[in-house]
Amino acid sequence: MDVIVATRRERDAPRSGDLLDLALNTADRATGKRLSDQNIRNQILTFMVAGQETSAGVMAFALHFLSTYSDVVERIRVHATGNRP
């Protein structure tokens, strides 16, 4: 991640609008100071981990819900198969 941050900071390329680009080009309004490479790395990693945990939580809830409500599973199966057995 450090290499990616350093490479993106050094290159003279148009803005891409992704999260890394926003972090690299954001400055504190009061001081004008930009985020350090280490801070950017930590923020990006936090977003990646948080996104993974959120997805895992949704999957666990969905599987629990489906295991609890067999009638819903059957309706999903019928819809997905086009009423085929």
PDB file of N, CA and C in Angstrom:
ATOM      1  N   MET A   1       0.829  -1.182   0.000  1.00  0.00           N
ATOM      2  CA  MET A   1       0.000   0.000   0.000  1.00  0.00           C
ATOM      3  C   MET A   1       0.877   1.251   0.000  1.00  0.00           C
ATOM      4  N   ASP A   2       1.988   1.206   0.733  1.00  0.00           N
ATOM      5  CA  ASP A   2       2.872   2.377   0.788  1.00  0.00           C
ATOM      6  C   ASP A   2       3.418   2.733  -0.594  1.00  0.00           C
ATOM      7  N   VAL A   3       3.753   1.704  -1.378  1.00  0.00           N
ATOM      8  CA  VAL A   3       4.283   1.940  -2.725  1.00  0.00           C
ATOM      9  C   VAL A   3       3.217   2.579  -3.612  1.00  0.00           C
ATOM     10  N   ILE A   4       1.990   2.114  -3.489  1.00  0.00           N
ATOM     11  CA  ILE A   4       0.893   2.667  -4.293  1.00  0.00           C
ATOM     12  C   ILE A   4       0.668   4.136  -3.944  1.00  0.00           C
ATOM     13  N   VAL A   5       0.630   4.438  -2.655  1.00  0.00           N
ATOM     14  CA  VAL A   5       0.423   5.825  -2.221  1.00  0.00           C
ATOM     15  C   VAL A   5       1.564   6.706  -2.734  1.00  0.00           C
ATOM     16  N   ALA A   6       2.794   6.256  -2.556  1.00  0.00           N
ATOM     17  CA  ALA A   6       3.949   7.051  -2.988  1.00  0.00           C
ATOM     18  C   ALA A   6       3.952   7.243  -4.502  1.00  0.00           C
ATOM     19  N   THR A   7       3.635   6.202  -5.244  1.00  0.00           N
ATOM     20  CA  THR A   7       3.607   6.286  -6.705  1.00  0.00           C
ATOM     21  C   THR A   7       2.544   7.262  -7.178  1.00  0.00           C
ATOM     22  N   ARG A   8       1.363   7.173  -6.593  1.00  0.00           N
ATOM     23  CA  ARG A   8       0.278   8.077  -6.995  1.00  0.00           C
ATOM     24  C   ARG A   8       0.595   9.523  -6.617  1.00  0.00           C
ATOM     25  N   ARG A   9       1.282   9.728  -5.511  1.00  0.00           N
ATOM     26  CA  ARG A   9       1.619  11.093  -5.094  1.00  0.00           C
ATOM     27  C   ARG A   9       2.664  11.688  -6.045  1.00  0.00           C
ATOM     28  N   GLU A  10       3.593  10.874  -6.517  1.00  0.00           N
ATOM     29  CA  GLU A  10       4.693  11.351  -7.352  1.00  0.00           C
ATOM     30  C   GLU A  10       4.290  11.581  -8.805  1.00  0.00           C
ATOM     31  N   ARG A  11       3.383  10.795  -9.326  1.00  0.00           N
ATOM     32  CA  ARG A  11       3.072  10.905 -10.754  1.00  0.00           C
ATOM     33  C   ARG A  11       2.252  12.163 -11.043  1.00  0.00           C
ATOM     34  N   ASP A  12       2.449  12.672 -12.222  1.00  0.00           N
ATOM     35  CA  ASP A  12       1.709  13.860 -12.647  1.00  0.00           C
ATOM     36  C   ASP A  12       0.601  13.392 -13.587  1.00  0.00           C
ATOM     37  N   ALA A  13      -0.508  12.973 -12.991  1.00  0.00           N
ATOM     38  CA  ALA A  13      -1.608  12.417 -13.777  1.00  0.00           C
ATOM     39  C   ALA A  13      -2.899  13.136 -13.425  1.00  0.00           C
ATOM     40  N   PRO A  14      -3.853  13.093 -14.339  1.00  0.00           N
ATOM     41  CA  PRO A  14      -5.150  13.707 -14.020  1.00  0.00           C
ATOM     42  C   PRO A  14      -5.819  12.989 -12.856  1.00  0.00           C
ATOM     43  N   ARG A  15      -6.671  13.698 -12.166  1.00  0.00           N
ATOM     44  CA  ARG A  15      -7.376  13.105 -11.031  1.00  0.00           C
ATOM     45  C   ARG A  15      -8.314  12.006 -11.510  1.00  0.00           C
ATOM     46  N   SER A  16      -8.365  10.937 -10.726  1.00  0.00           N
ATOM     47  CA  SER A  16      -9.233   9.812 -11.081  1.00  0.00           C
ATOM     48  C   SER A  16     -10.539   9.833 -10.295  1.00  0.00           C
ATOM     49  N   GLY A  17     -10.568  10.541  -9.177  1.00  0.00           N
ATOM     50  CA  GLY A  17     -11.780  10.629  -8.377  1.00  0.00           C
ATOM     51  C   GLY A  17     -11.995   9.466  -7.434  1.00  0.00           C
ATOM     52  N   ASP A  18     -11.033   8.549  -7.341  1.00  0.00           N
ATOM     53  CA  ASP A  18     -11.187   7.432  -6.409  1.00  0.00           C
ATOM     54  C   ASP A  18     -10.795   7.873  -4.997  1.00  0.00           C
ATOM     55  N   LEU A  19     -10.958   6.967  -4.046  1.00  0.00           N
ATOM     56  CA  LEU A  19     -10.705   7.294  -2.647  1.00  0.00           C
ATOM     57  C   LEU A  19      -9.263   7.735  -2.418  1.00  0.00           C
ATOM     58  N   LEU A  20      -8.322   7.059  -3.042  1.00  0.00           N
ATOM     59  CA  LEU A  20      -6.916   7.425  -2.878  1.00  0.00           C
ATOM     60  C   LEU A  20      -6.658   8.819  -3.441  1.00  0.00           C
ATOM     61  N   ASP A  21      -7.216   9.110  -4.586  1.00  0.00           N
ATOM     62  CA  ASP A  21      -7.055  10.434  -5.186  1.00  0.00           C
ATOM     63  C   ASP A  21      -7.612  11.519  -4.268  1.00  0.00           C
ATOM     64  N   LEU A  22      -8.779  11.270  -3.706  1.00  0.00           N
ATOM     65  CA  LEU A  22      -9.377  12.240  -2.786  1.00  0.00           C
ATOM     66  C   LEU A  22      -8.498  12.462  -1.559  1.00  0.00           C
ATOM     67  N   ALA A  23      -7.958  11.375  -1.016  1.00  0.00           N
ATOM     68  CA  ALA A  23      -7.097  11.495   0.164  1.00  0.00           C
ATOM     69  C   ALA A  23      -5.812  12.253  -0.162  1.00  0.00           C
ATOM     70  N   LEU A  24      -5.259  11.996  -1.330  1.00  0.00           N
ATOM     71  CA  LEU A  24      -4.020  12.667  -1.720  1.00  0.00           C
ATOM     72  C   LEU A  24      -4.220  14.163  -1.961  1.00  0.00           C
ATOM     73  N   ASN A  25      -5.404  14.554  -2.356  1.00  0.00           N
ATOM     74  CA  ASN A  25      -5.646  15.946  -2.731  1.00  0.00           C
ATOM     75  C   ASN A  25      -6.475  16.724  -1.719  1.00  0.00           C
ATOM     76  N   THR A  26      -6.682  16.157  -0.550  1.00  0.00           N
ATOM     77  CA  THR A  26      -7.448  16.830   0.494  1.00  0.00           C
ATOM     78  C   THR A  26      -6.491  17.508   1.468  1.00  0.00           C
ATOM     79  N   ALA A  27      -6.850  18.714   1.843  1.00  0.00           N
ATOM     80  CA  ALA A  27      -6.032  19.451   2.808  1.00  0.00           C
ATOM     81  C   ALA A  27      -6.927  19.970   3.927  1.00  0.00           C
ATOM     82  N   ASP A  28      -6.350  20.098   5.100  1.00  0.00           N
ATOM     83  CA  ASP A  28      -7.058  20.667   6.242  1.00  0.00           C
ATOM     84  C   ASP A  28      -7.410  22.121   5.926  1.00  0.00           C
ATOM     85  N   ARG A  29      -8.660  22.489   6.118  1.00  0.00           N
ATOM     86  CA  ARG A  29      -9.098  23.853   5.781  1.00  0.00           C
ATOM     87  C   ARG A  29      -8.406  24.916   6.630  1.00  0.00           C
ATOM     88  N   ALA A  30      -8.147  24.599   7.866  1.00  0.00           N
ATOM     89  CA  ALA A  30      -7.550  25.589   8.769  1.00  0.00           C
ATOM     90  C   ALA A  30      -6.058  25.767   8.527  1.00  0.00           C
ATOM     91  N   THR A  31      -5.354  24.649   8.299  1.00  0.00           N
ATOM     92  CA  THR A  31      -3.895  24.722   8.195  1.00  0.00           C
ATOM     93  C   THR A  31      -3.375  24.599   6.769  1.00  0.00           C
ATOM     94  N   GLY A  32      -4.183  24.023   5.874  1.00  0.00           N
ATOM     95  CA  GLY A  32      -3.721  23.778   4.511  1.00  0.00           C
ATOM     96  C   GLY A  32      -2.831  22.560   4.396  1.00  0.00           C
ATOM     97  N   LYS A  33      -2.607  21.876   5.514  1.00  0.00           N
ATOM     98  CA  LYS A  33      -1.726  20.710   5.542  1.00  0.00           C
ATOM     99  C   LYS A  33      -2.432  19.495   4.936  1.00  0.00           C
ATOM    100  N   ARG A  34      -1.700  18.773   4.098  1.00  0.00           N
ATOM    101  CA  ARG A  34      -2.235  17.561   3.471  1.00  0.00           C
ATOM    102  C   ARG A  34      -1.987  16.355   4.372  1.00  0.00           C
ATOM    103  N   LEU A  35      -2.736  15.287   4.116  1.00  0.00           N
ATOM    104  CA  LEU A  35      -2.559  14.053   4.882  1.00  0.00           C
ATOM    105  C   LEU A  35      -1.203  13.431   4.575  1.00  0.00           C
ATOM    106  N   SER A  36      -0.583  12.835   5.581  1.00  0.00           N
ATOM    107  CA  SER A  36       0.686  12.141   5.368  1.00  0.00           C
ATOM    108  C   SER A  36       0.422  10.825   4.645  1.00  0.00           C
ATOM    109  N   ASP A  37       1.456  10.284   4.006  1.00  0.00           N
ATOM    110  CA  ASP A  37       1.311   8.995   3.326  1.00  0.00           C
ATOM    111  C   ASP A  37       0.884   7.908   4.309  1.00  0.00           C
ATOM    112  N   GLN A  38       1.442   7.942   5.515  1.00  0.00           N
ATOM    113  CA  GLN A  38       1.090   6.943   6.523  1.00  0.00           C
ATOM    114  C   GLN A  38      -0.381   7.067   6.912  1.00  0.00           C
ATOM    115  N   ASN A  39      -0.867   8.276   7.088  1.00  0.00           N
ATOM    116  CA  ASN A  39      -2.268   8.491   7.433  1.00  0.00           C
ATOM    117  C   ASN A  39      -3.174   7.998   6.306  1.00  0.00           C
ATOM    118  N   ILE A  40      -2.807   8.308   5.066  1.00  0.00           N
ATOM    119  CA  ILE A  40      -3.604   7.849   3.919  1.00  0.00           C
ATOM    120  C   ILE A  40      -3.642   6.330   3.884  1.00  0.00           C
ATOM    121  N   ARG A  41      -2.481   5.693   4.060  1.00  0.00           N
ATOM    122  CA  ARG A  41      -2.435   4.231   4.067  1.00  0.00           C
ATOM    123  C   ARG A  41      -3.366   3.674   5.133  1.00  0.00           C
ATOM    124  N   ASN A  42      -3.291   4.213   6.330  1.00  0.00           N
ATOM    125  CA  ASN A  42      -4.131   3.723   7.423  1.00  0.00           C
ATOM    126  C   ASN A  42      -5.619   3.909   7.127  1.00  0.00           C
ATOM    127  N   GLN A  43      -5.991   5.040   6.548  1.00  0.00           N
ATOM    128  CA  GLN A  43      -7.395   5.292   6.224  1.00  0.00           C
ATOM    129  C   GLN A  43      -7.904   4.323   5.155  1.00  0.00           C
ATOM    130  N   ILE A  44      -7.109   4.097   4.117  1.00  0.00           N
ATOM    131  CA  ILE A  44      -7.505   3.176   3.037  1.00  0.00           C
ATOM    132  C   ILE A  44      -7.662   1.765   3.589  1.00  0.00           C
ATOM    133  N   LEU A  45      -6.722   1.318   4.405  1.00  0.00           N
ATOM    134  CA  LEU A  45      -6.813  -0.023   4.992  1.00  0.00           C
ATOM    135  C   LEU A  45      -8.038  -0.148   5.894  1.00  0.00           C
ATOM    136  N   THR A  46      -8.362   0.907   6.625  1.00  0.00           N
ATOM    137  CA  THR A  46      -9.560   0.893   7.468  1.00  0.00           C
ATOM    138  C   THR A  46     -10.808   0.710   6.618  1.00  0.00           C
ATOM    139  N   PHE A  47     -10.908   1.432   5.508  1.00  0.00           N
ATOM    140  CA  PHE A  47     -12.057   1.280   4.613  1.00  0.00           C
ATOM    141  C   PHE A  47     -12.134  -0.135   4.052  1.00  0.00           C
ATOM    142  N   MET A  48     -10.988  -0.706   3.688  1.00  0.00           N
ATOM    143  CA  MET A  48     -10.985  -2.057   3.122  1.00  0.00           C
ATOM    144  C   MET A  48     -11.465  -3.080   4.143  1.00  0.00           C
ATOM    145  N   VAL A  49     -10.956  -3.001   5.357  1.00  0.00           N
ATOM    146  CA  VAL A  49     -11.345  -3.952   6.401  1.00  0.00           C
ATOM    147  C   VAL A  49     -12.800  -3.752   6.792  1.00  0.00           C
ATOM    148  N   ALA A  50     -13.213  -2.509   6.952  1.00  0.00           N
ATOM    149  CA  ALA A  50     -14.600  -2.235   7.332  1.00  0.00           C
ATOM    150  C   ALA A  50     -15.561  -2.737   6.262  1.00  0.00           C
ATOM    151  N   GLY A  51     -15.221  -2.557   5.009  1.00  0.00           N
ATOM    152  CA  GLY A  51     -16.068  -3.040   3.923  1.00  0.00           C
ATOM    153  C   GLY A  51     -16.174  -4.552   3.916  1.00  0.00           C
ATOM    154  N   GLN A  52     -15.076  -5.224   4.201  1.00  0.00           N
ATOM    155  CA  GLN A  52     -15.074  -6.687   4.234  1.00  0.00           C
ATOM    156  C   GLN A  52     -15.931  -7.188   5.377  1.00  0.00           C
ATOM    157  N   GLU A  53     -15.811  -6.570   6.537  1.00  0.00           N
ATOM    158  CA  GLU A  53     -16.595  -7.020   7.686  1.00  0.00           C
ATOM    159  C   GLU A  53     -18.077  -6.755   7.489  1.00  0.00           C
ATOM    160  N   THR A  54     -18.416  -5.648   6.859  1.00  0.00           N
ATOM    161  CA  THR A  54     -19.818  -5.339   6.584  1.00  0.00           C
ATOM    162  C   THR A  54     -20.407  -6.380   5.649  1.00  0.00           C
ATOM    163  N   SER A  55     -19.681  -6.723   4.602  1.00  0.00           N
ATOM    164  CA  SER A  55     -20.153  -7.731   3.649  1.00  0.00           C
ATOM    165  C   SER A  55     -20.318  -9.083   4.330  1.00  0.00           C
ATOM    166  N   ALA A  56     -19.375  -9.449   5.170  1.00  0.00           N
ATOM    167  CA  ALA A  56     -19.465 -10.724   5.882  1.00  0.00           C
ATOM    168  C   ALA A  56     -20.674 -10.740   6.803  1.00  0.00           C
ATOM    169  N   GLY A  57     -20.947  -9.629   7.465  1.00  0.00           N
ATOM    170  CA  GLY A  57     -22.108  -9.546   8.350  1.00  0.00           C
ATOM    171  C   GLY A  57     -23.417  -9.689   7.594  1.00  0.00           C
ATOM    172  N   VAL A  58     -23.503  -9.051   6.442  1.00  0.00           N
ATOM    173  CA  VAL A  58     -24.718  -9.158   5.623  1.00  0.00           C
ATOM    174  C   VAL A  58     -24.913 -10.590   5.151  1.00  0.00           C
ATOM    175  N   MET A  59     -23.838 -11.230   4.719  1.00  0.00           N
ATOM    176  CA  MET A  59     -23.940 -12.625   4.267  1.00  0.00           C
ATOM    177  C   MET A  59     -24.388 -13.533   5.410  1.00  0.00           C
ATOM    178  N   ALA A  60     -23.831 -13.347   6.587  1.00  0.00           N
ATOM    179  CA  ALA A  60     -24.214 -14.173   7.735  1.00  0.00           C
ATOM    180  C   ALA A  60     -25.685 -13.971   8.080  1.00  0.00           C
ATOM    181  N   PHE A  61     -26.142 -12.724   8.077  1.00  0.00           N
ATOM    182  CA  PHE A  61     -27.545 -12.443   8.370  1.00  0.00           C
ATOM    183  C   PHE A  61     -28.448 -13.066   7.314  1.00  0.00           C
ATOM    184  N   ALA A  62     -28.084 -12.938   6.049  1.00  0.00           N
ATOM    185  CA  ALA A  62     -28.900 -13.498   4.968  1.00  0.00           C
ATOM    186  C   ALA A  62     -28.998 -15.014   5.090  1.00  0.00           C
ATOM    187  N   LEU A  63     -27.882 -15.672   5.365  1.00  0.00           N
ATOM    188  CA  LEU A  63     -27.904 -17.131   5.509  1.00  0.00           C
ATOM    189  C   LEU A  63     -28.727 -17.549   6.722  1.00  0.00           C
ATOM    190  N   HIS A  64     -28.611 -16.820   7.807  1.00  0.00           N
ATOM    191  CA  HIS A  64     -29.423 -17.118   8.989  1.00  0.00           C
ATOM    192  C   HIS A  64     -30.906 -16.946   8.663  1.00  0.00           C
ATOM    193  N   PHE A  65     -31.256 -15.858   8.006  1.00  0.00           N
ATOM    194  CA  PHE A  65     -32.643 -15.596   7.626  1.00  0.00           C
ATOM    195  C   PHE A  65     -33.172 -16.720   6.742  1.00  0.00           C
ATOM    196  N   LEU A  66     -32.385 -17.106   5.739  1.00  0.00           N
ATOM    197  CA  LEU A  66     -32.830 -18.160   4.825  1.00  0.00           C
ATOM    198  C   LEU A  66     -32.967 -19.501   5.537  1.00  0.00           C
ATOM    199  N   SER A  67     -32.096 -19.770   6.497  1.00  0.00           N
ATOM    200  CA  SER A  67     -32.201 -21.040   7.226  1.00  0.00           C
ATOM    201  C   SER A  67     -33.406 -21.048   8.163  1.00  0.00           C
ATOM    202  N   THR A  68     -33.894 -19.879   8.515  1.00  0.00           N
ATOM    203  CA  THR A  68     -35.039 -19.766   9.419  1.00  0.00           C
ATOM    204  C   THR A  68     -36.371 -19.815   8.673  1.00  0.00           C
ATOM    205  N   TYR A  69     -36.396 -19.303   7.450  1.00  0.00           N
ATOM    206  CA  TYR A  69     -37.650 -19.184   6.700  1.00  0.00           C
ATOM    207  C   TYR A  69     -37.586 -20.001   5.409  1.00  0.00           C
ATOM    208  N   SER A  70     -37.939 -21.275   5.519  1.00  0.00           N
ATOM    209  CA  SER A  70     -37.871 -22.166   4.359  1.00  0.00           C
ATOM    210  C   SER A  70     -38.850 -21.753   3.263  1.00  0.00           C
ATOM    211  N   ASP A  71     -39.970 -21.114   3.627  1.00  0.00           N
ATOM    212  CA  ASP A  71     -40.922 -20.672   2.606  1.00  0.00           C
ATOM    213  C   ASP A  71     -40.307 -19.595   1.711  1.00  0.00           C
ATOM    214  N   VAL A  72     -39.471 -18.752   2.278  1.00  0.00           N
ATOM    215  CA  VAL A  72     -38.798 -17.727   1.483  1.00  0.00           C
ATOM    216  C   VAL A  72     -37.798 -18.383   0.538  1.00  0.00           C
ATOM    217  N   VAL A  73     -37.082 -19.382   1.032  1.00  0.00           N
ATOM    218  CA  VAL A  73     -36.122 -20.105   0.194  1.00  0.00           C
ATOM    219  C   VAL A  73     -36.845 -20.729  -0.992  1.00  0.00           C
ATOM    220  N   GLU A  74     -38.002 -21.317  -0.756  1.00  0.00           N
ATOM    221  CA  GLU A  74     -38.767 -21.944  -1.837  1.00  0.00           C
ATOM    222  C   GLU A  74     -39.213 -20.897  -2.856  1.00  0.00           C
ATOM    223  N   ARG A  75     -39.676 -19.742  -2.397  1.00  0.00           N
ATOM    224  CA  ARG A  75     -40.092 -18.682  -3.327  1.00  0.00           C
ATOM    225  C   ARG A  75     -38.907 -18.183  -4.156  1.00  0.00           C
ATOM    226  N   ILE A  76     -37.764 -18.081  -3.537  1.00  0.00           N
ATOM    227  CA  ILE A  76     -36.558 -17.666  -4.263  1.00  0.00           C
ATOM    228  C   ILE A  76     -36.187 -18.715  -5.300  1.00  0.00           C
ATOM    229  N   ARG A  77     -36.248 -19.995  -4.900  1.00  0.00           N
ATOM    230  CA  ARG A  77     -35.917 -21.076  -5.834  1.00  0.00           C
ATOM    231  C   ARG A  77     -36.848 -21.058  -7.030  1.00  0.00           C
ATOM    232  N   VAL A  78     -38.149 -20.910  -6.787  1.00  0.00           N
ATOM    233  CA  VAL A  78     -39.132 -20.888  -7.874  1.00  0.00           C
ATOM    234  C   VAL A  78     -38.866 -19.700  -8.796  1.00  0.00           C
ATOM    235  N   HIS A  79     -38.599 -18.553  -8.215  1.00  0.00           N
ATOM    236  CA  HIS A  79     -38.327 -17.362  -9.024  1.00  0.00           C
ATOM    237  C   HIS A  79     -37.047 -17.542  -9.847  1.00  0.00           C
ATOM    238  N   ALA A  80     -36.005 -18.067  -9.228  1.00  0.00           N
ATOM    239  CA  ALA A  80     -34.714 -18.211  -9.899  1.00  0.00           C
ATOM    240  C   ALA A  80     -34.740 -19.257 -11.004  1.00  0.00           C
ATOM    241  N   THR A  81     -35.550 -20.283 -10.832  1.00  0.00           N
ATOM    242  CA  THR A  81     -35.588 -21.359 -11.832  1.00  0.00           C
ATOM    243  C   THR A  81     -36.713 -21.176 -12.838  1.00  0.00           C
ATOM    244  N   GLY A  82     -37.500 -20.132 -12.697  1.00  0.00           N
ATOM    245  CA  GLY A  82     -38.610 -19.921 -13.620  1.00  0.00           C
ATOM    246  C   GLY A  82     -39.679 -20.980 -13.473  1.00  0.00           C
ATOM    247  N   ASN A  83     -39.968 -21.365 -12.217  1.00  0.00           N
ATOM    248  CA  ASN A  83     -40.979 -22.375 -11.873  1.00  0.00           C
ATOM    249  C   ASN A  83     -40.593 -23.788 -12.283  1.00  0.00           C
ATOM    250  N   ARG A  84     -39.330 -23.991 -12.617  1.00  0.00           N
ATOM    251  CA  ARG A  84     -38.884 -25.355 -12.946  1.00  0.00           C
ATOM    252  C   ARG A  84     -38.545 -26.087 -11.652  1.00  0.00           C
ATOM    253  N   PRO A  85     -38.804 -27.379 -11.601  1.00  0.00           N
ATOM    254  CA  PRO A  85     -38.467 -28.158 -10.383  1.00  0.00           C
ATOM    255  C   PRO A  85     -36.970 -28.319 -10.208  1.00  0.00           C
TER     256      PRO A  85
END
